[in-house]
Amino acid sequence: MNAEDAAREELAPDALVRIVGANGAFVARLVSGGDVPPGVVAGTKGWWASGVEGRANVNAAVGEGDSDMDGGALFSDNRVRVEQLSR
């Protein structure tokens, strides 16, 4: 997550957070800074849901179906909110 966005939302570095989208949610550890642009939350795909809290990963927040741009994938553009679970 962008560091300035995280600070504005009072999200502590390395906090346990819930990423909530219209289609579901997952729990992750917050990493802020780096090259993430303002207004963007980035996640790594490819980790198994069975080994994480809540048994959900980034796929839980992604919509099902095809995009309106020539039927492409929906996985790269979703509105989410970030909620801190621990302080």
N, C-alpha and C. Protein backbone atom coordinates (compact mmCIF):
# COMPACT_ATOMS: atom_id res chain seq x y z
N MET A 1 0.85 -1.17 0.00
CA MET A 1 0.00 0.00 0.00
C MET A 1 0.90 1.23 0.00
N ASN A 2 0.45 2.26 -0.64
CA ASN A 2 1.19 3.51 -0.65
C ASN A 2 1.39 4.00 0.79
N ALA A 3 2.60 4.42 1.13
CA ALA A 3 2.94 4.80 2.51
C ALA A 3 2.11 5.99 2.99
N GLU A 4 1.89 6.99 2.14
CA GLU A 4 1.11 8.16 2.55
C GLU A 4 -0.36 7.78 2.77
N ASP A 5 -0.89 6.90 1.93
CA ASP A 5 -2.26 6.42 2.12
C ASP A 5 -2.39 5.68 3.45
N ALA A 6 -1.42 4.83 3.75
CA ALA A 6 -1.45 4.07 5.00
C ALA A 6 -1.40 4.99 6.20
N ALA A 7 -0.53 6.01 6.15
CA ALA A 7 -0.42 6.96 7.26
C ALA A 7 -1.72 7.76 7.43
N ARG A 8 -2.31 8.19 6.33
CA ARG A 8 -3.57 8.95 6.39
C ARG A 8 -4.69 8.11 7.01
N GLU A 9 -4.71 6.82 6.72
CA GLU A 9 -5.72 5.91 7.27
C GLU A 9 -5.34 5.38 8.65
N GLU A 10 -4.19 5.84 9.18
CA GLU A 10 -3.68 5.44 10.48
C GLU A 10 -3.49 3.93 10.58
N LEU A 11 -2.96 3.35 9.51
CA LEU A 11 -2.64 1.93 9.47
C LEU A 11 -1.18 1.76 9.84
N ALA A 12 -0.93 0.98 10.86
CA ALA A 12 0.44 0.79 11.36
C ALA A 12 1.23 -0.14 10.45
N PRO A 13 2.52 0.16 10.26
CA PRO A 13 3.37 -0.74 9.48
C PRO A 13 3.36 -2.15 10.07
N ASP A 14 3.31 -3.14 9.23
CA ASP A 14 3.35 -4.55 9.63
C ASP A 14 2.09 -5.00 10.38
N ALA A 15 1.03 -4.19 10.37
CA ALA A 15 -0.22 -4.56 11.06
C ALA A 15 -0.94 -5.66 10.30
N LEU A 16 -1.73 -6.41 11.02
CA LEU A 16 -2.62 -7.38 10.41
C LEU A 16 -3.84 -6.61 9.92
N VAL A 17 -4.18 -6.74 8.63
CA VAL A 17 -5.29 -5.98 8.05
C VAL A 17 -6.23 -6.92 7.29
N ARG A 18 -7.46 -6.45 7.15
CA ARG A 18 -8.43 -7.16 6.31
C ARG A 18 -8.64 -6.30 5.07
N ILE A 19 -8.49 -6.92 3.91
CA ILE A 19 -8.75 -6.26 2.63
C ILE A 19 -10.15 -6.68 2.22
N VAL A 20 -11.03 -5.70 2.08
CA VAL A 20 -12.44 -5.99 1.81
C VAL A 20 -12.83 -5.44 0.44
N GLY A 21 -13.37 -6.30 -0.40
CA GLY A 21 -13.89 -5.91 -1.70
C GLY A 21 -15.36 -6.24 -1.77
N ALA A 22 -16.00 -5.90 -2.86
CA ALA A 22 -17.43 -6.15 -3.03
C ALA A 22 -17.76 -7.64 -3.00
N ASN A 23 -16.79 -8.49 -3.33
CA ASN A 23 -17.05 -9.92 -3.44
C ASN A 23 -16.52 -10.75 -2.28
N GLY A 24 -15.82 -10.13 -1.34
CA GLY A 24 -15.27 -10.89 -0.23
C GLY A 24 -14.11 -10.16 0.43
N ALA A 25 -13.40 -10.87 1.29
CA ALA A 25 -12.30 -10.27 2.04
C ALA A 25 -11.23 -11.31 2.33
N PHE A 26 -10.04 -10.82 2.66
CA PHE A 26 -8.95 -11.69 3.10
C PHE A 26 -8.08 -10.93 4.09
N VAL A 27 -7.32 -11.65 4.88
CA VAL A 27 -6.44 -11.07 5.89
C VAL A 27 -5.00 -11.15 5.40
N ALA A 28 -4.25 -10.07 5.64
CA ALA A 28 -2.85 -10.02 5.21
C ALA A 28 -2.06 -9.12 6.16
N ARG A 29 -0.76 -9.14 6.03
CA ARG A 29 0.13 -8.28 6.79
C ARG A 29 0.41 -7.04 5.94
N LEU A 30 0.24 -5.83 6.51
CA LEU A 30 0.42 -4.58 5.75
C LEU A 30 1.89 -4.30 5.49
N VAL A 31 2.19 -4.03 4.25
CA VAL A 31 3.50 -3.53 3.84
C VAL A 31 3.22 -2.23 3.11
N SER A 32 3.84 -1.14 3.54
CA SER A 32 3.60 0.13 2.87
C SER A 32 4.92 0.71 2.37
N GLY A 33 4.80 1.52 1.33
CA GLY A 33 5.98 2.15 0.76
C GLY A 33 6.30 1.58 -0.59
N GLY A 34 7.57 1.60 -0.93
CA GLY A 34 8.01 1.07 -2.22
C GLY A 34 7.48 1.90 -3.37
N ASP A 35 7.16 1.25 -4.44
CA ASP A 35 6.73 1.93 -5.66
C ASP A 35 5.22 1.91 -5.86
N VAL A 36 4.45 1.67 -4.81
CA VAL A 36 3.00 1.62 -4.94
C VAL A 36 2.46 3.04 -5.06
N PRO A 37 1.76 3.36 -6.15
CA PRO A 37 1.24 4.71 -6.34
C PRO A 37 0.11 5.04 -5.35
N PRO A 38 -0.15 6.34 -5.12
CA PRO A 38 -1.26 6.73 -4.26
C PRO A 38 -2.58 6.15 -4.77
N GLY A 39 -3.42 5.72 -3.82
CA GLY A 39 -4.72 5.19 -4.18
C GLY A 39 -4.72 3.73 -4.58
N VAL A 40 -3.57 3.07 -4.47
CA VAL A 40 -3.45 1.69 -4.92
C VAL A 40 -3.09 0.78 -3.76
N VAL A 41 -3.75 -0.38 -3.72
CA VAL A 41 -3.37 -1.46 -2.81
C VAL A 41 -2.97 -2.62 -3.72
N ALA A 42 -1.76 -3.09 -3.58
CA ALA A 42 -1.26 -4.16 -4.43
C ALA A 42 -1.14 -5.45 -3.63
N GLY A 43 -1.39 -6.56 -4.27
CA GLY A 43 -1.27 -7.85 -3.62
C GLY A 43 -0.59 -8.85 -4.52
N THR A 44 0.08 -9.79 -3.89
CA THR A 44 0.76 -10.84 -4.63
C THR A 44 -0.19 -12.01 -4.83
N LYS A 45 -0.32 -12.46 -6.04
CA LYS A 45 -1.16 -13.63 -6.28
C LYS A 45 -0.29 -14.88 -6.20
N GLY A 46 -0.93 -16.00 -6.00
CA GLY A 46 -0.19 -17.25 -6.05
C GLY A 46 0.02 -17.94 -4.73
N TRP A 47 -0.37 -17.36 -3.60
CA TRP A 47 -0.21 -18.07 -2.34
C TRP A 47 -1.49 -18.81 -2.00
N TRP A 48 -1.34 -19.97 -1.41
CA TRP A 48 -2.46 -20.87 -1.16
C TRP A 48 -3.33 -20.39 -0.01
N ALA A 49 -4.64 -20.44 -0.18
CA ALA A 49 -5.58 -20.00 0.84
C ALA A 49 -5.59 -20.93 2.05
N SER A 50 -5.24 -22.18 1.88
CA SER A 50 -5.31 -23.14 2.97
C SER A 50 -4.34 -22.84 4.10
N GLY A 51 -3.29 -22.08 3.83
CA GLY A 51 -2.29 -21.81 4.86
C GLY A 51 -2.40 -20.45 5.51
N VAL A 52 -3.50 -19.75 5.31
CA VAL A 52 -3.62 -18.40 5.86
C VAL A 52 -4.88 -18.26 6.71
N GLU A 53 -4.87 -17.23 7.56
CA GLU A 53 -6.01 -16.96 8.42
C GLU A 53 -7.27 -16.73 7.58
N GLY A 54 -8.35 -17.33 7.98
CA GLY A 54 -9.61 -17.18 7.27
C GLY A 54 -9.71 -18.01 6.00
N ARG A 55 -8.64 -18.73 5.68
CA ARG A 55 -8.60 -19.59 4.49
C ARG A 55 -9.03 -18.85 3.21
N ALA A 56 -8.59 -17.57 3.10
CA ALA A 56 -8.89 -16.78 1.91
C ALA A 56 -7.64 -16.00 1.52
N ASN A 57 -7.46 -15.80 0.24
CA ASN A 57 -6.35 -14.99 -0.24
C ASN A 57 -6.89 -13.86 -1.13
N VAL A 58 -6.03 -13.21 -1.87
CA VAL A 58 -6.41 -12.05 -2.68
C VAL A 58 -7.55 -12.37 -3.65
N ASN A 59 -7.69 -13.62 -4.05
CA ASN A 59 -8.77 -14.00 -4.96
C ASN A 59 -10.16 -13.76 -4.35
N ALA A 60 -10.24 -13.73 -3.01
CA ALA A 60 -11.54 -13.53 -2.36
C ALA A 60 -12.15 -12.17 -2.67
N ALA A 61 -11.33 -11.18 -2.97
CA ALA A 61 -11.83 -9.83 -3.22
C ALA A 61 -12.06 -9.55 -4.70
N VAL A 62 -11.79 -10.53 -5.54
CA VAL A 62 -11.88 -10.36 -7.00
C VAL A 62 -13.24 -10.83 -7.49
N GLY A 63 -13.83 -10.07 -8.37
CA GLY A 63 -15.12 -10.44 -8.94
C GLY A 63 -15.03 -11.62 -9.89
N GLU A 64 -16.14 -12.27 -10.08
CA GLU A 64 -16.24 -13.37 -11.03
C GLU A 64 -16.73 -12.81 -12.36
N GLY A 65 -16.33 -13.39 -13.43
CA GLY A 65 -16.83 -12.97 -14.74
C GLY A 65 -15.77 -12.31 -15.58
N ASP A 66 -16.21 -11.65 -16.63
CA ASP A 66 -15.32 -11.00 -17.58
C ASP A 66 -15.48 -9.48 -17.49
N SER A 67 -14.42 -8.77 -17.83
CA SER A 67 -14.49 -7.31 -17.81
C SER A 67 -15.28 -6.80 -19.00
N ASP A 68 -15.60 -5.52 -18.95
CA ASP A 68 -16.32 -4.91 -20.06
C ASP A 68 -15.37 -4.49 -21.18
N MET A 69 -14.09 -4.72 -21.01
CA MET A 69 -13.10 -4.39 -22.04
C MET A 69 -12.73 -5.66 -22.80
N ASP A 70 -13.53 -6.02 -23.75
CA ASP A 70 -13.27 -7.15 -24.63
C ASP A 70 -13.23 -8.49 -23.90
N GLY A 71 -13.96 -8.59 -22.78
CA GLY A 71 -14.06 -9.86 -22.07
C GLY A 71 -12.81 -10.29 -21.35
N GLY A 72 -11.93 -9.35 -21.01
CA GLY A 72 -10.70 -9.68 -20.30
C GLY A 72 -10.94 -10.03 -18.84
N ALA A 73 -9.87 -10.36 -18.16
CA ALA A 73 -9.93 -10.76 -16.74
C ALA A 73 -10.22 -9.56 -15.83
N LEU A 74 -10.83 -9.84 -14.69
CA LEU A 74 -11.16 -8.81 -13.70
C LEU A 74 -10.11 -8.69 -12.61
N PHE A 75 -9.13 -9.55 -12.57
CA PHE A 75 -8.24 -9.65 -11.42
C PHE A 75 -7.36 -8.44 -11.15
N SER A 76 -7.20 -7.53 -12.07
CA SER A 76 -6.22 -6.47 -11.86
C SER A 76 -6.81 -5.13 -11.46
N ASP A 77 -8.13 -5.02 -11.29
CA ASP A 77 -8.71 -3.71 -10.99
C ASP A 77 -9.97 -3.88 -10.15
N ASN A 78 -9.83 -3.72 -8.83
CA ASN A 78 -10.96 -3.90 -7.91
C ASN A 78 -10.90 -2.82 -6.84
N ARG A 79 -12.06 -2.30 -6.49
CA ARG A 79 -12.12 -1.34 -5.38
C ARG A 79 -12.14 -2.12 -4.07
N VAL A 80 -11.27 -1.70 -3.14
CA VAL A 80 -11.21 -2.35 -1.82
C VAL A 80 -11.04 -1.29 -0.74
N ARG A 81 -11.28 -1.72 0.49
CA ARG A 81 -10.93 -0.89 1.65
C ARG A 81 -10.02 -1.74 2.54
N VAL A 82 -9.19 -1.08 3.34
CA VAL A 82 -8.24 -1.75 4.21
C VAL A 82 -8.61 -1.44 5.64
N GLU A 83 -8.84 -2.49 6.44
CA GLU A 83 -9.21 -2.34 7.85
C GLU A 83 -8.13 -2.95 8.71
N GLN A 84 -7.62 -2.20 9.66
CA GLN A 84 -6.60 -2.74 10.56
C GLN A 84 -7.24 -3.63 11.60
N LEU A 85 -6.67 -4.83 11.81
CA LEU A 85 -7.18 -5.78 12.79
C LEU A 85 -6.40 -5.75 14.08
N SER A 86 -5.13 -5.33 14.02
CA SER A 86 -4.28 -5.29 15.22
C SER A 86 -3.52 -3.98 15.26
N ARG A 87 -3.20 -3.51 16.43
CA ARG A 87 -2.42 -2.28 16.59
C ARG A 87 -1.12 -2.56 17.28
